[in-house]
């Protein structure tokens, strides 16, 4: 292996270590605990090394969020591909989304709550976001009826985001989540 290849590999490993450490710290202590000082201590690299990878905390949060979208895509795809009738598939996708939000609260916050410099719903939207939204579209198209599939997906996503946020903040009881999903889908899905 050439010196340049080794250095590139080591740089990529350092880059990933910073992202992973930021995510772990956010999940255990919240995003306020994620500072360049704390990260540099945890990854055992100086702050200048951290800044050689990321311009600051916002760039780190953005990188964490992009990783999260890839993970969410995988979860939504697995739920969609589990099969069943169109309403069952939609329920599975909705539950997968909410379970992802519940089990990865800091990651979900980075993706959908914190201000990040990631453009949504425009030509410059990163492919990983398009893929996640595409999983919603694939699950929703069969039940969208006369509604525009993209708009229908946005409404379902907004409803799920509201449920995820309210559950996270303990504004609604966790034990009735399935009832909420059933009600949402029963009201949104066009019959016949």
N, C-alpha and C. Protein backbone atom coordinates (compact mmCIF):
# COMPACT_ATOMS: atom_id res chain seq x y z
N UNK A 1 0.85 -1.17 0.00
CA UNK A 1 0.00 0.00 0.00
C UNK A 1 0.89 1.24 0.00
N UNK A 2 0.58 2.17 -0.86
CA UNK A 2 1.39 3.38 -0.95
C UNK A 2 1.15 4.27 0.27
N UNK A 3 2.07 5.16 0.50
CA UNK A 3 1.94 6.10 1.62
C UNK A 3 0.70 6.96 1.44
N UNK A 4 0.44 7.41 0.23
CA UNK A 4 -0.75 8.24 -0.04
C UNK A 4 -2.03 7.46 0.23
N UNK A 5 -2.06 6.20 -0.17
CA UNK A 5 -3.26 5.37 0.07
C UNK A 5 -3.46 5.13 1.55
N UNK A 6 -2.37 4.88 2.27
CA UNK A 6 -2.45 4.67 3.71
C UNK A 6 -2.95 5.92 4.41
N UNK A 7 -2.42 7.07 4.01
CA UNK A 7 -2.86 8.34 4.62
C UNK A 7 -4.34 8.61 4.33
N UNK A 8 -4.75 8.32 3.11
CA UNK A 8 -6.17 8.52 2.76
C UNK A 8 -7.06 7.60 3.59
N UNK A 9 -6.63 6.35 3.77
CA UNK A 9 -7.40 5.41 4.58
C UNK A 9 -7.46 5.88 6.04
N UNK A 10 -6.33 6.32 6.58
CA UNK A 10 -6.30 6.80 7.95
C UNK A 10 -7.17 8.04 8.12
N UNK A 11 -7.16 8.92 7.13
CA UNK A 11 -7.99 10.12 7.19
C UNK A 11 -9.47 9.73 7.19
N UNK A 12 -9.84 8.79 6.33
CA UNK A 12 -11.24 8.33 6.27
C UNK A 12 -11.64 7.68 7.59
N UNK A 13 -10.74 6.92 8.19
CA UNK A 13 -11.04 6.30 9.49
C UNK A 13 -11.21 7.34 10.58
N UNK A 14 -10.36 8.38 10.58
CA UNK A 14 -10.48 9.47 11.55
C UNK A 14 -11.81 10.20 11.36
N UNK A 15 -12.14 10.47 10.12
CA UNK A 15 -13.39 11.15 9.77
C UNK A 15 -14.58 10.37 10.34
N UNK A 16 -14.60 9.06 10.10
CA UNK A 16 -15.68 8.21 10.59
C UNK A 16 -15.68 8.14 12.11
N UNK A 17 -14.52 8.09 12.71
CA UNK A 17 -14.43 8.06 14.17
C UNK A 17 -15.05 9.31 14.78
N UNK A 18 -14.82 10.46 14.19
CA UNK A 18 -15.40 11.71 14.69
C UNK A 18 -16.92 11.65 14.60
N UNK A 19 -17.44 11.19 13.47
CA UNK A 19 -18.90 11.09 13.29
C UNK A 19 -19.49 10.11 14.31
N UNK A 20 -18.89 8.96 14.43
CA UNK A 20 -19.40 7.94 15.35
C UNK A 20 -19.35 8.42 16.80
N UNK A 21 -18.28 9.06 17.17
CA UNK A 21 -18.14 9.57 18.53
C UNK A 21 -19.15 10.68 18.81
N UNK A 22 -19.36 11.57 17.86
CA UNK A 22 -20.35 12.63 18.03
C UNK A 22 -21.73 12.04 18.23
N UNK A 23 -22.04 11.06 17.44
CA UNK A 23 -23.36 10.40 17.54
C UNK A 23 -23.52 9.71 18.89
N UNK A 24 -22.50 8.98 19.33
CA UNK A 24 -22.57 8.29 20.63
C UNK A 24 -22.71 9.28 21.77
N UNK A 25 -21.97 10.37 21.71
CA UNK A 25 -22.05 11.39 22.75
C UNK A 25 -23.42 12.05 22.76
N UNK A 26 -23.96 12.34 21.60
CA UNK A 26 -25.29 12.94 21.51
C UNK A 26 -26.36 11.98 22.03
N UNK A 27 -26.26 10.70 21.70
CA UNK A 27 -27.24 9.73 22.18
C UNK A 27 -27.18 9.57 23.70
N UNK A 28 -26.00 9.66 24.27
CA UNK A 28 -25.88 9.46 25.72
C UNK A 28 -26.11 10.74 26.53
N UNK A 29 -25.73 11.91 25.98
CA UNK A 29 -25.80 13.14 26.76
C UNK A 29 -26.54 14.29 26.08
N UNK A 30 -26.95 14.11 24.85
CA UNK A 30 -27.63 15.18 24.12
C UNK A 30 -26.67 15.99 23.27
N UNK A 31 -27.23 16.70 22.31
CA UNK A 31 -26.39 17.45 21.37
C UNK A 31 -25.64 18.61 22.01
N UNK A 32 -26.15 19.15 23.11
CA UNK A 32 -25.42 20.23 23.78
C UNK A 32 -24.07 19.76 24.30
N UNK A 33 -23.96 18.47 24.59
CA UNK A 33 -22.70 17.91 25.09
C UNK A 33 -21.67 17.72 23.99
N UNK A 34 -22.10 17.78 22.74
CA UNK A 34 -21.19 17.57 21.62
C UNK A 34 -20.50 18.89 21.29
N UNK A 35 -19.28 19.01 21.73
CA UNK A 35 -18.46 20.19 21.44
C UNK A 35 -17.16 19.71 20.80
N UNK A 36 -16.51 20.58 20.10
CA UNK A 36 -15.24 20.18 19.48
C UNK A 36 -14.22 19.80 20.56
N UNK A 37 -14.27 20.46 21.69
CA UNK A 37 -13.34 20.13 22.77
C UNK A 37 -13.59 18.71 23.27
N UNK A 38 -14.85 18.39 23.56
CA UNK A 38 -15.18 17.04 24.05
C UNK A 38 -14.86 15.99 23.00
N UNK A 39 -15.18 16.30 21.75
CA UNK A 39 -14.89 15.34 20.69
C UNK A 39 -13.39 15.10 20.55
N UNK A 40 -12.62 16.17 20.58
CA UNK A 40 -11.17 16.00 20.43
C UNK A 40 -10.60 15.18 21.58
N UNK A 41 -11.14 15.34 22.78
CA UNK A 41 -10.70 14.53 23.91
C UNK A 41 -11.06 13.06 23.69
N UNK A 42 -12.28 12.82 23.25
CA UNK A 42 -12.76 11.44 23.09
C UNK A 42 -12.06 10.70 21.95
N UNK A 43 -11.80 11.40 20.85
CA UNK A 43 -11.16 10.71 19.71
C UNK A 43 -9.64 10.77 19.81
N UNK A 44 -9.15 11.53 20.79
CA UNK A 44 -7.72 11.66 21.05
C UNK A 44 -6.97 12.27 19.88
N UNK A 45 -7.59 13.29 19.30
CA UNK A 45 -6.94 14.12 18.28
C UNK A 45 -7.14 15.57 18.68
N UNK A 46 -6.24 16.43 18.28
CA UNK A 46 -6.34 17.84 18.64
C UNK A 46 -7.52 18.50 17.92
N UNK A 47 -7.96 19.63 18.44
CA UNK A 47 -9.04 20.36 17.79
C UNK A 47 -8.67 20.77 16.37
N UNK A 48 -7.43 21.19 16.09
CA UNK A 48 -7.09 21.48 14.69
C UNK A 48 -7.28 20.28 13.76
N UNK A 49 -7.01 19.07 14.25
CA UNK A 49 -7.24 17.88 13.44
C UNK A 49 -8.73 17.73 13.17
N UNK A 50 -9.54 17.96 14.20
CA UNK A 50 -11.00 17.91 14.04
C UNK A 50 -11.44 18.91 12.98
N UNK A 51 -10.91 20.12 13.06
CA UNK A 51 -11.28 21.16 12.09
C UNK A 51 -10.74 20.88 10.69
N UNK A 52 -9.76 20.02 10.58
CA UNK A 52 -9.29 19.65 9.24
C UNK A 52 -10.30 18.71 8.56
N UNK A 53 -11.17 18.12 9.34
CA UNK A 53 -12.22 17.24 8.81
C UNK A 53 -13.56 17.95 8.69
N UNK A 54 -13.88 18.79 9.66
CA UNK A 54 -15.18 19.47 9.72
C UNK A 54 -14.98 20.93 10.11
N UNK A 55 -15.76 21.80 9.51
CA UNK A 55 -15.63 23.23 9.80
C UNK A 55 -16.11 23.59 11.20
N UNK A 56 -16.92 22.73 11.80
CA UNK A 56 -17.42 22.97 13.13
C UNK A 56 -18.51 21.98 13.46
N UNK A 57 -19.18 22.22 14.57
CA UNK A 57 -20.21 21.30 15.04
C UNK A 57 -21.33 21.12 14.02
N UNK A 58 -21.74 22.19 13.35
CA UNK A 58 -22.82 22.08 12.37
C UNK A 58 -22.47 21.08 11.27
N UNK A 59 -21.23 21.09 10.84
CA UNK A 59 -20.80 20.16 9.79
C UNK A 59 -20.79 18.72 10.32
N UNK A 60 -20.46 18.56 11.58
CA UNK A 60 -20.48 17.23 12.19
C UNK A 60 -21.91 16.73 12.29
N UNK A 61 -22.82 17.59 12.74
CA UNK A 61 -24.23 17.21 12.85
C UNK A 61 -24.77 16.84 11.47
N UNK A 62 -24.38 17.59 10.46
CA UNK A 62 -24.81 17.28 9.09
C UNK A 62 -24.34 15.90 8.66
N UNK A 63 -23.09 15.57 8.96
CA UNK A 63 -22.54 14.26 8.60
C UNK A 63 -23.27 13.14 9.35
N UNK A 64 -23.57 13.38 10.62
CA UNK A 64 -24.33 12.40 11.40
C UNK A 64 -25.72 12.22 10.78
N UNK A 65 -26.36 13.33 10.42
CA UNK A 65 -27.71 13.27 9.83
C UNK A 65 -27.70 12.48 8.52
N UNK A 66 -26.71 12.71 7.68
CA UNK A 66 -26.64 11.98 6.42
C UNK A 66 -26.49 10.47 6.65
N UNK A 67 -25.70 10.09 7.63
CA UNK A 67 -25.60 8.68 7.99
C UNK A 67 -26.96 8.15 8.44
N UNK A 68 -27.66 8.98 9.21
CA UNK A 68 -28.97 8.59 9.71
C UNK A 68 -29.96 8.34 8.58
N UNK A 69 -29.92 9.17 7.55
CA UNK A 69 -30.84 8.97 6.43
C UNK A 69 -30.57 7.64 5.73
N UNK A 70 -29.31 7.27 5.64
CA UNK A 70 -28.99 5.97 5.03
C UNK A 70 -29.55 4.83 5.89
N UNK A 71 -29.43 4.95 7.19
CA UNK A 71 -29.97 3.93 8.09
C UNK A 71 -31.49 3.88 8.02
N UNK A 72 -32.11 5.05 8.02
CA UNK A 72 -33.57 5.11 7.94
C UNK A 72 -34.05 4.48 6.64
N UNK A 73 -33.38 4.74 5.55
CA UNK A 73 -33.74 4.14 4.27
C UNK A 73 -33.76 2.62 4.37
N UNK A 74 -32.74 2.06 4.99
CA UNK A 74 -32.68 0.62 5.16
C UNK A 74 -33.83 0.08 5.98
N UNK A 75 -34.18 0.78 7.04
CA UNK A 75 -35.30 0.35 7.89
C UNK A 75 -36.62 0.42 7.13
N UNK A 76 -36.83 1.52 6.42
CA UNK A 76 -38.08 1.69 5.68
C UNK A 76 -38.18 0.65 4.56
N UNK A 77 -37.08 0.40 3.88
CA UNK A 77 -37.07 -0.58 2.80
C UNK A 77 -37.40 -1.98 3.34
N UNK A 78 -36.79 -2.34 4.45
CA UNK A 78 -37.05 -3.66 5.04
C UNK A 78 -38.52 -3.79 5.43
N UNK A 79 -39.09 -2.73 5.99
CA UNK A 79 -40.51 -2.76 6.37
C UNK A 79 -41.39 -2.87 5.13
N UNK A 80 -41.04 -2.12 4.10
CA UNK A 80 -41.83 -2.15 2.87
C UNK A 80 -41.74 -3.51 2.19
N UNK A 81 -40.56 -4.07 2.17
CA UNK A 81 -40.35 -5.34 1.49
C UNK A 81 -40.85 -6.54 2.29
N UNK A 82 -41.27 -6.31 3.53
CA UNK A 82 -41.81 -7.41 4.34
C UNK A 82 -43.12 -7.92 3.74
N UNK A 83 -43.74 -7.09 2.91
CA UNK A 83 -44.90 -7.53 2.15
C UNK A 83 -46.22 -7.38 2.87
N UNK A 84 -47.24 -7.84 2.19
CA UNK A 84 -48.60 -7.72 2.68
C UNK A 84 -49.41 -6.85 1.75
N UNK A 85 -50.67 -6.64 2.11
CA UNK A 85 -51.49 -5.76 1.29
C UNK A 85 -50.99 -4.32 1.46
N UNK A 86 -51.39 -3.41 0.57
CA UNK A 86 -50.86 -2.04 0.61
C UNK A 86 -51.02 -1.33 1.96
N UNK A 87 -52.16 -1.53 2.62
CA UNK A 87 -52.33 -0.89 3.92
C UNK A 87 -51.40 -1.49 4.97
N UNK A 88 -51.20 -2.79 4.92
CA UNK A 88 -50.29 -3.44 5.86
C UNK A 88 -48.86 -2.93 5.65
N UNK A 89 -48.48 -2.79 4.39
CA UNK A 89 -47.15 -2.28 4.08
C UNK A 89 -47.00 -0.86 4.63
N UNK A 90 -48.00 -0.04 4.43
CA UNK A 90 -47.94 1.33 4.95
C UNK A 90 -47.84 1.33 6.47
N UNK A 91 -48.57 0.48 7.13
CA UNK A 91 -48.49 0.38 8.60
C UNK A 91 -47.07 -0.02 9.02
N UNK A 92 -46.51 -1.00 8.32
CA UNK A 92 -45.16 -1.47 8.64
C UNK A 92 -44.14 -0.35 8.46
N UNK A 93 -44.27 0.40 7.40
CA UNK A 93 -43.35 1.51 7.15
C UNK A 93 -43.51 2.59 8.21
N UNK A 94 -44.75 2.90 8.55
CA UNK A 94 -45.01 3.91 9.58
C UNK A 94 -44.42 3.48 10.92
N UNK A 95 -44.63 2.24 11.28
CA UNK A 95 -44.09 1.75 12.56
C UNK A 95 -42.56 1.72 12.53
N UNK A 96 -41.98 1.37 11.40
CA UNK A 96 -40.51 1.37 11.29
C UNK A 96 -39.96 2.78 11.48
N UNK A 97 -40.64 3.76 10.89
CA UNK A 97 -40.23 5.16 11.04
C UNK A 97 -40.27 5.58 12.51
N UNK A 98 -41.39 5.29 13.16
CA UNK A 98 -41.55 5.70 14.56
C UNK A 98 -40.58 4.95 15.48
N UNK A 99 -40.33 3.69 15.18
CA UNK A 99 -39.38 2.92 15.99
C UNK A 99 -37.97 3.48 15.82
N UNK A 100 -37.62 3.86 14.60
CA UNK A 100 -36.32 4.48 14.35
C UNK A 100 -36.20 5.76 15.17
N UNK A 101 -37.22 6.60 15.13
CA UNK A 101 -37.20 7.86 15.88
C UNK A 101 -37.08 7.61 17.39
N UNK A 102 -37.78 6.58 17.87
CA UNK A 102 -37.78 6.28 19.31
C UNK A 102 -36.42 5.73 19.77
N UNK A 103 -35.84 4.86 18.98
CA UNK A 103 -34.60 4.20 19.42
C UNK A 103 -33.34 4.99 19.10
N UNK A 104 -33.46 6.00 18.26
CA UNK A 104 -32.30 6.83 17.89
C UNK A 104 -32.68 8.31 18.02
N UNK A 105 -33.05 8.71 19.21
CA UNK A 105 -33.62 10.04 19.38
C UNK A 105 -32.66 11.17 19.00
N UNK A 106 -31.40 11.06 19.38
CA UNK A 106 -30.46 12.13 19.03
C UNK A 106 -30.19 12.15 17.52
N UNK A 107 -30.09 10.98 16.93
CA UNK A 107 -29.90 10.89 15.49
C UNK A 107 -31.11 11.49 14.77
N UNK A 108 -32.30 11.14 15.21
CA UNK A 108 -33.53 11.67 14.62
C UNK A 108 -33.56 13.20 14.76
N UNK A 109 -33.14 13.68 15.91
CA UNK A 109 -33.09 15.12 16.13
C UNK A 109 -32.14 15.80 15.14
N UNK A 110 -30.99 15.19 14.90
CA UNK A 110 -30.04 15.74 13.93
C UNK A 110 -30.65 15.77 12.54
N UNK A 111 -31.41 14.73 12.21
CA UNK A 111 -31.98 14.61 10.87
C UNK A 111 -33.15 15.56 10.62
N UNK A 112 -34.01 15.72 11.62
CA UNK A 112 -35.29 16.39 11.37
C UNK A 112 -35.62 17.58 12.26
N UNK A 113 -34.83 17.82 13.30
CA UNK A 113 -35.18 18.90 14.22
C UNK A 113 -34.14 20.02 14.20
N UNK A 114 -32.88 19.65 14.28
CA UNK A 114 -31.82 20.66 14.34
C UNK A 114 -31.65 21.33 12.97
N UNK A 115 -31.26 22.59 12.99
CA UNK A 115 -30.99 23.25 11.70
C UNK A 115 -29.70 22.68 11.10
N UNK A 116 -29.84 22.10 9.92
CA UNK A 116 -28.67 21.55 9.23
C UNK A 116 -28.69 22.09 7.80
N UNK A 117 -27.54 22.24 7.25
CA UNK A 117 -27.43 22.79 5.90
C UNK A 117 -27.61 21.69 4.86
N UNK A 118 -28.73 21.02 4.91
CA UNK A 118 -29.06 20.00 3.93
C UNK A 118 -30.35 20.42 3.25
N UNK A 119 -30.32 20.62 1.96
CA UNK A 119 -31.54 21.03 1.26
C UNK A 119 -32.51 19.86 1.08
N UNK A 120 -33.76 20.09 1.43
CA UNK A 120 -34.81 19.09 1.26
C UNK A 120 -35.68 19.50 0.07
N UNK A 121 -36.15 18.51 -0.66
CA UNK A 121 -37.17 18.69 -1.70
C UNK A 121 -36.79 19.68 -2.80
N UNK A 122 -35.51 19.72 -3.14
CA UNK A 122 -35.04 20.54 -4.26
C UNK A 122 -34.06 19.71 -5.08
N UNK A 123 -33.65 20.25 -6.19
CA UNK A 123 -32.74 19.52 -7.07
C UNK A 123 -31.43 19.16 -6.38
N UNK A 124 -30.96 20.00 -5.44
CA UNK A 124 -29.68 19.77 -4.77
C UNK A 124 -29.79 18.81 -3.59
N UNK A 125 -30.96 18.26 -3.34
CA UNK A 125 -31.13 17.34 -2.23
C UNK A 125 -30.21 16.14 -2.41
N UNK A 126 -29.44 15.80 -1.36
CA UNK A 126 -28.54 14.64 -1.49
C UNK A 126 -29.31 13.35 -1.79
N UNK A 127 -28.67 12.47 -2.53
CA UNK A 127 -29.29 11.22 -2.95
C UNK A 127 -29.79 10.40 -1.77
N UNK A 128 -29.07 10.41 -0.67
CA UNK A 128 -29.47 9.60 0.49
C UNK A 128 -30.82 10.07 1.04
N UNK A 129 -31.12 11.35 0.98
CA UNK A 129 -32.44 11.84 1.39
C UNK A 129 -33.49 11.44 0.37
N UNK A 130 -33.16 11.53 -0.90
CA UNK A 130 -34.10 11.13 -1.95
C UNK A 130 -34.47 9.64 -1.80
N UNK A 131 -33.49 8.83 -1.44
CA UNK A 131 -33.76 7.41 -1.27
C UNK A 131 -34.71 7.16 -0.10
N UNK A 132 -34.51 7.86 1.01
CA UNK A 132 -35.40 7.70 2.17
C UNK A 132 -36.82 8.11 1.80
N UNK A 133 -36.97 9.25 1.16
CA UNK A 133 -38.30 9.70 0.76
C UNK A 133 -38.88 8.76 -0.29
N UNK A 134 -38.02 8.22 -1.14
CA UNK A 134 -38.47 7.27 -2.15
C UNK A 134 -39.09 6.02 -1.54
N UNK A 135 -38.59 5.60 -0.38
CA UNK A 135 -39.20 4.45 0.30
C UNK A 135 -40.62 4.79 0.76
N UNK A 136 -40.82 6.01 1.23
CA UNK A 136 -42.18 6.45 1.57
C UNK A 136 -43.07 6.40 0.32
N UNK A 137 -42.55 6.95 -0.75
CA UNK A 137 -43.34 6.98 -1.99
C UNK A 137 -43.73 5.58 -2.44
N UNK A 138 -42.79 4.66 -2.42
CA UNK A 138 -43.09 3.30 -2.85
C UNK A 138 -44.16 2.64 -1.97
N UNK A 139 -44.14 2.95 -0.69
CA UNK A 139 -45.14 2.38 0.22
C UNK A 139 -46.50 3.07 0.08
N UNK A 140 -46.49 4.33 -0.32
CA UNK A 140 -47.73 5.11 -0.35
C UNK A 140 -48.43 5.13 -1.70
N UNK A 141 -47.69 4.99 -2.76
CA UNK A 141 -48.32 5.06 -4.10
C UNK A 141 -49.52 4.15 -4.26
N UNK A 142 -49.46 2.91 -3.78
CA UNK A 142 -50.61 2.02 -3.97
C UNK A 142 -51.89 2.46 -3.22
N UNK A 143 -51.75 3.34 -2.25
CA UNK A 143 -52.92 3.75 -1.46
C UNK A 143 -53.23 5.24 -1.59
N UNK A 144 -52.51 5.95 -2.45
CA UNK A 144 -52.68 7.40 -2.57
C UNK A 144 -53.96 7.79 -3.29
N UNK A 145 -54.53 6.87 -4.03
CA UNK A 145 -55.77 7.19 -4.74
C UNK A 145 -55.57 8.32 -5.71
N UNK A 146 -56.45 9.31 -5.67
CA UNK A 146 -56.39 10.45 -6.59
C UNK A 146 -55.38 11.50 -6.16
N UNK A 147 -54.79 11.32 -4.99
CA UNK A 147 -53.84 12.31 -4.48
C UNK A 147 -52.48 12.18 -5.17
N UNK A 148 -51.81 13.29 -5.33
CA UNK A 148 -50.44 13.27 -5.85
C UNK A 148 -49.58 12.48 -4.86
N UNK A 149 -48.88 11.44 -5.33
CA UNK A 149 -48.11 10.58 -4.40
C UNK A 149 -47.09 11.35 -3.56
N UNK A 150 -46.41 12.33 -4.16
CA UNK A 150 -45.42 13.10 -3.40
C UNK A 150 -46.06 13.91 -2.30
N UNK A 151 -47.17 14.57 -2.61
CA UNK A 151 -47.87 15.37 -1.60
C UNK A 151 -48.44 14.46 -0.51
N UNK A 152 -48.99 13.33 -0.93
CA UNK A 152 -49.53 12.37 0.02
C UNK A 152 -48.42 11.90 0.96
N UNK A 153 -47.24 11.59 0.41
CA UNK A 153 -46.11 11.15 1.22
C UNK A 153 -45.67 12.24 2.19
N UNK A 154 -45.68 13.50 1.74
CA UNK A 154 -45.31 14.60 2.63
C UNK A 154 -46.27 14.71 3.81
N UNK A 155 -47.56 14.52 3.56
CA UNK A 155 -48.55 14.62 4.64
C UNK A 155 -48.37 13.47 5.63
N UNK A 156 -48.16 12.27 5.12
CA UNK A 156 -47.94 11.13 6.02
C UNK A 156 -46.65 11.32 6.81
N UNK A 157 -45.60 11.76 6.13
CA UNK A 157 -44.33 12.02 6.81
C UNK A 157 -44.53 13.07 7.91
N UNK A 158 -45.24 14.15 7.59
CA UNK A 158 -45.48 15.21 8.59
C UNK A 158 -46.24 14.66 9.79
N UNK A 159 -47.23 13.82 9.53
CA UNK A 159 -48.00 13.23 10.64
C UNK A 159 -47.10 12.32 11.48
N UNK A 160 -46.28 11.52 10.83
CA UNK A 160 -45.38 10.63 11.57
C UNK A 160 -44.35 11.43 12.36
N UNK A 161 -43.85 12.49 11.76
CA UNK A 161 -42.89 13.34 12.47
C UNK A 161 -43.54 13.94 13.71
N UNK A 162 -44.78 14.39 13.57
CA UNK A 162 -45.50 14.93 14.72
C UNK A 162 -45.66 13.88 15.81
N UNK A 163 -46.04 12.68 15.44
CA UNK A 163 -46.18 11.60 16.42
C UNK A 163 -44.84 11.28 17.08
N UNK A 164 -43.79 11.23 16.28
CA UNK A 164 -42.46 10.93 16.83
C UNK A 164 -42.02 12.00 17.81
N UNK A 165 -42.22 13.25 17.44
CA UNK A 165 -41.79 14.36 18.29
C UNK A 165 -42.61 14.42 19.58
N UNK A 166 -43.91 14.26 19.47
CA UNK A 166 -44.76 14.28 20.66
C UNK A 166 -44.45 13.11 21.59
N UNK A 167 -44.19 11.94 21.02
CA UNK A 167 -43.83 10.78 21.85
C UNK A 167 -42.50 11.00 22.54
N UNK A 168 -41.53 11.54 21.80
CA UNK A 168 -40.21 11.79 22.39
C UNK A 168 -40.30 12.77 23.55
N UNK A 169 -41.11 13.78 23.39
CA UNK A 169 -41.26 14.81 24.43
C UNK A 169 -42.26 14.40 25.51
N UNK A 170 -42.75 13.17 25.43
CA UNK A 170 -43.71 12.60 26.38
C UNK A 170 -44.99 13.43 26.48
N UNK A 171 -45.42 13.93 25.35
CA UNK A 171 -46.67 14.68 25.28
C UNK A 171 -47.86 13.76 25.00
N UNK A 172 -47.55 12.56 24.49
CA UNK A 172 -48.58 11.54 24.26
C UNK A 172 -48.06 10.22 24.82
N UNK A 173 -48.96 9.38 25.33
CA UNK A 173 -48.50 8.11 25.92
C UNK A 173 -48.01 7.12 24.87
N UNK A 174 -46.92 6.47 25.16
CA UNK A 174 -46.30 5.54 24.21
C UNK A 174 -47.16 4.32 23.94
N UNK A 175 -47.94 3.90 24.90
CA UNK A 175 -48.64 2.62 24.75
C UNK A 175 -49.74 2.62 23.70
N UNK A 176 -50.17 3.76 23.19
CA UNK A 176 -51.23 3.78 22.18
C UNK A 176 -50.70 4.12 20.78
N UNK A 177 -49.44 3.91 20.55
CA UNK A 177 -48.83 4.26 19.27
C UNK A 177 -49.47 3.49 18.10
N UNK A 178 -49.69 2.20 18.27
CA UNK A 178 -50.30 1.41 17.20
C UNK A 178 -51.70 1.93 16.88
N UNK A 179 -52.47 2.31 17.90
CA UNK A 179 -53.81 2.87 17.68
C UNK A 179 -53.73 4.15 16.84
N UNK A 180 -52.73 4.96 17.11
CA UNK A 180 -52.56 6.21 16.35
C UNK A 180 -52.25 5.92 14.89
N UNK A 181 -51.37 4.96 14.66
CA UNK A 181 -51.02 4.59 13.29
C UNK A 181 -52.24 4.06 12.57
N UNK A 182 -52.99 3.18 13.21
CA UNK A 182 -54.20 2.64 12.60
C UNK A 182 -55.18 3.75 12.24
N UNK A 183 -55.40 4.68 13.16
CA UNK A 183 -56.31 5.79 12.91
C UNK A 183 -55.81 6.65 11.75
N UNK A 184 -54.55 6.98 11.75
CA UNK A 184 -53.97 7.80 10.69
C UNK A 184 -54.16 7.13 9.33
N UNK A 185 -53.80 5.88 9.24
CA UNK A 185 -53.89 5.19 7.96
C UNK A 185 -55.34 5.00 7.53
N UNK A 186 -56.20 4.65 8.47
CA UNK A 186 -57.62 4.50 8.13
C UNK A 186 -58.22 5.80 7.60
N UNK A 187 -57.77 6.93 8.11
CA UNK A 187 -58.32 8.21 7.67
C UNK A 187 -57.69 8.69 6.35
N UNK A 188 -56.46 8.36 6.10
CA UNK A 188 -55.76 8.85 4.93
C UNK A 188 -55.94 8.00 3.68
N UNK A 189 -56.05 6.71 3.88
CA UNK A 189 -56.07 5.81 2.74
C UNK A 189 -57.43 5.89 2.04
N UNK A 190 -57.35 6.10 0.74
CA UNK A 190 -58.54 6.19 -0.09
C UNK A 190 -59.02 4.78 -0.38
N UNK A 191 -60.27 4.54 -0.11
CA UNK A 191 -60.83 3.21 -0.35
C UNK A 191 -61.26 3.09 -1.81
N UNK A 192 -61.10 1.86 -2.32
CA UNK A 192 -61.60 1.56 -3.68
C UNK A 192 -60.79 2.23 -4.68
